[in-house]
Amino acid sequence: MNETSDSHGDLASEFRRLGQNLKQALQAAWDSEERRRLEKEIEAGLSDAADALRGAAKEFSASPAGQHLREELHDLGQRVRTGELETKVRQDVVGGLRALNAELERAAGTWRSKDKASGTSESGTGTDQAQP
């Protein structure tokens, strides 16, 4: 029995020691000069990347493609403000819904016709409502 309790104590002791060693290793790595140097390199790299992106954005906005995009966005904004875009979207959605409803009505009619032709009725489905 003593061996079992000793091995449990050793196991717990070794896990505590492992935790302390990991903590010390991470602290040493964090405090290292190499980590500080790497952090500065990363900061400088990110700053350079941000400057490059700002420059590219300026160049693009001055280019013909950038000007065209700006005009398109301005036109879109105008259509939104005047309601033209809303009217067009509403018309397109209504047209799409009408087409969808027409197809569903046609499909339902076809299914009803097939059911009647095969001799089955809707009474077996529990939906025997009178159709207008």
Protein backbone atom coordinates (compact mmCIF):
# COMPACT_ATOMS: atom_id res chain seq x y z
CA MET A 1 0.00 0.00 0.00
CA ASN A 2 2.86 2.36 0.73
CA GLU A 3 4.15 1.93 -2.81
CA THR A 4 0.76 2.98 -4.22
CA SER A 5 0.52 6.11 -2.08
CA ASP A 6 4.18 6.91 -2.82
CA SER A 7 3.57 6.55 -6.58
CA HIS A 8 0.50 8.82 -6.32
CA GLY A 9 2.58 11.36 -4.43
CA ASP A 10 5.38 11.06 -6.98
CA LEU A 11 2.91 11.49 -9.83
CA ALA A 12 1.38 14.62 -8.31
CA SER A 13 4.83 15.94 -7.45
CA GLU A 14 6.07 15.40 -10.99
CA PHE A 15 3.02 17.19 -12.47
CA ARG A 16 3.63 20.14 -10.13
CA ARG A 17 7.28 20.20 -11.18
CA LEU A 18 6.25 20.03 -14.85
CA GLY A 19 3.90 22.98 -14.35
CA GLN A 20 6.64 25.03 -12.68
CA ASN A 21 9.13 24.17 -15.42
CA LEU A 22 6.66 25.10 -18.17
CA LYS A 23 5.92 28.39 -16.43
CA GLN A 24 9.64 29.19 -16.11
CA ALA A 25 10.34 28.22 -19.73
CA LEU A 26 7.50 30.38 -21.05
CA GLN A 27 8.54 33.30 -18.86
CA ALA A 28 12.14 33.00 -20.06
CA ALA A 29 11.00 32.87 -23.70
CA TRP A 30 8.75 35.90 -23.21
CA ASP A 31 11.48 37.91 -21.50
CA SER A 32 14.13 36.98 -24.08
CA GLU A 33 15.86 39.51 -26.27
CA GLU A 34 15.08 37.36 -29.31
CA ARG A 35 11.32 37.68 -28.67
CA ARG A 36 11.61 41.46 -28.31
CA ARG A 37 13.59 41.67 -31.56
CA LEU A 38 11.03 39.50 -33.36
CA GLU A 39 8.19 41.66 -32.01
CA LYS A 40 9.87 44.80 -33.41
CA GLU A 41 10.41 43.11 -36.78
CA ILE A 42 6.75 42.12 -36.92
CA GLU A 43 5.63 45.63 -36.00
CA ALA A 44 7.87 47.14 -38.67
CA GLY A 45 6.64 44.62 -41.25
CA LEU A 46 3.01 45.35 -40.47
CA SER A 47 3.66 49.08 -40.68
CA ASP A 48 5.34 48.65 -44.07
CA ALA A 49 2.44 46.50 -45.30
CA ALA A 50 -0.07 49.13 -44.16
CA ASP A 51 1.88 51.86 -45.98
CA ALA A 52 1.99 49.75 -49.14
CA LEU A 53 -1.75 49.12 -48.98
CA ARG A 54 -2.46 52.83 -48.50
CA GLY A 55 -0.27 53.62 -51.50
CA ALA A 56 -1.98 50.99 -53.64
CA ALA A 57 -5.40 52.31 -52.63
CA LYS A 58 -4.37 55.86 -53.61
CA GLU A 59 -3.08 54.65 -56.96
CA PHE A 60 -6.22 52.64 -57.61
CA SER A 61 -8.53 55.51 -56.72
CA ALA A 62 -6.65 57.74 -59.16
CA SER A 63 -6.73 55.14 -61.96
CA PRO A 64 -9.48 54.96 -64.61
CA ALA A 65 -10.79 51.73 -63.05
CA GLY A 66 -10.91 53.40 -59.64
CA GLN A 67 -12.72 56.41 -61.07
CA HIS A 68 -15.22 54.12 -62.80
CA LEU A 69 -15.84 52.23 -59.57
CA ARG A 70 -16.34 55.50 -57.71
CA GLU A 71 -18.89 56.64 -60.32
CA GLU A 72 -20.73 53.29 -60.14
CA LEU A 73 -20.93 53.52 -56.36
CA HIS A 74 -22.15 57.11 -56.60
CA ASP A 75 -24.85 56.08 -59.10
CA LEU A 76 -25.91 53.21 -56.84
CA GLY A 77 -26.18 55.62 -53.92
CA GLN A 78 -28.32 57.96 -56.01
CA ARG A 79 -30.65 55.13 -57.04
CA VAL A 80 -31.02 54.08 -53.41
CA ARG A 81 -31.79 57.64 -52.31
CA THR A 82 -34.34 58.27 -55.09
CA GLY A 83 -36.10 54.95 -54.56
CA GLU A 84 -35.34 53.81 -58.10
CA LEU A 85 -33.43 50.79 -56.83
CA GLU A 86 -36.19 49.87 -54.39
CA THR A 87 -38.79 50.05 -57.15
CA LYS A 88 -36.69 47.89 -59.46
CA VAL A 89 -35.97 45.31 -56.76
CA ARG A 90 -39.64 45.22 -55.76
CA GLN A 91 -40.70 44.69 -59.40
CA ASP A 92 -38.16 41.90 -59.85
CA VAL A 93 -39.19 40.15 -56.62
CA VAL A 94 -42.89 40.39 -57.47
CA GLY A 95 -42.21 39.04 -60.98
CA GLY A 96 -40.20 36.15 -59.56
CA LEU A 97 -42.90 35.30 -57.01
CA ARG A 98 -45.58 35.38 -59.71
CA ALA A 99 -43.59 33.00 -61.89
CA LEU A 100 -42.92 30.68 -58.94
CA ASN A 101 -46.60 30.67 -57.94
CA ALA A 102 -47.69 29.95 -61.51
CA GLU A 103 -45.31 26.98 -61.72
CA LEU A 104 -46.47 25.63 -58.35
CA GLU A 105 -50.12 25.95 -59.41
CA ARG A 106 -49.35 24.13 -62.65
CA ALA A 107 -47.47 21.37 -60.82
CA ALA A 108 -50.27 20.96 -58.27
CA GLY A 109 -52.81 20.74 -61.08
CA THR A 110 -50.74 18.07 -62.81
CA TRP A 111 -50.51 16.03 -59.60
CA ARG A 112 -54.26 16.34 -58.99
CA SER A 113 -54.95 15.23 -62.55
CA LYS A 114 -52.69 12.20 -62.17
CA ASP A 115 -54.37 11.27 -58.87
CA LYS A 116 -57.84 11.51 -60.43
CA ALA A 117 -56.73 9.49 -63.47
CA SER A 118 -55.27 6.73 -61.30
CA GLY A 119 -58.44 6.53 -59.23
CA THR A 120 -57.00 7.78 -55.96
CA SER A 121 -58.76 10.54 -54.11
CA GLU A 122 -57.63 13.07 -51.60
CA SER A 123 -59.88 11.46 -48.96
CA GLY A 124 -57.14 8.98 -48.16
CA THR A 125 -54.80 11.78 -47.20
CA GLY A 126 -57.11 13.47 -44.73
CA THR A 127 -57.23 16.63 -46.84
CA ASP A 128 -60.56 16.21 -48.63
CA GLN A 129 -61.48 19.88 -48.72
CA ALA A 130 -63.76 21.12 -51.46
CA GLN A 131 -61.81 22.93 -54.14
CA PRO A 132 -63.43 26.14 -55.52
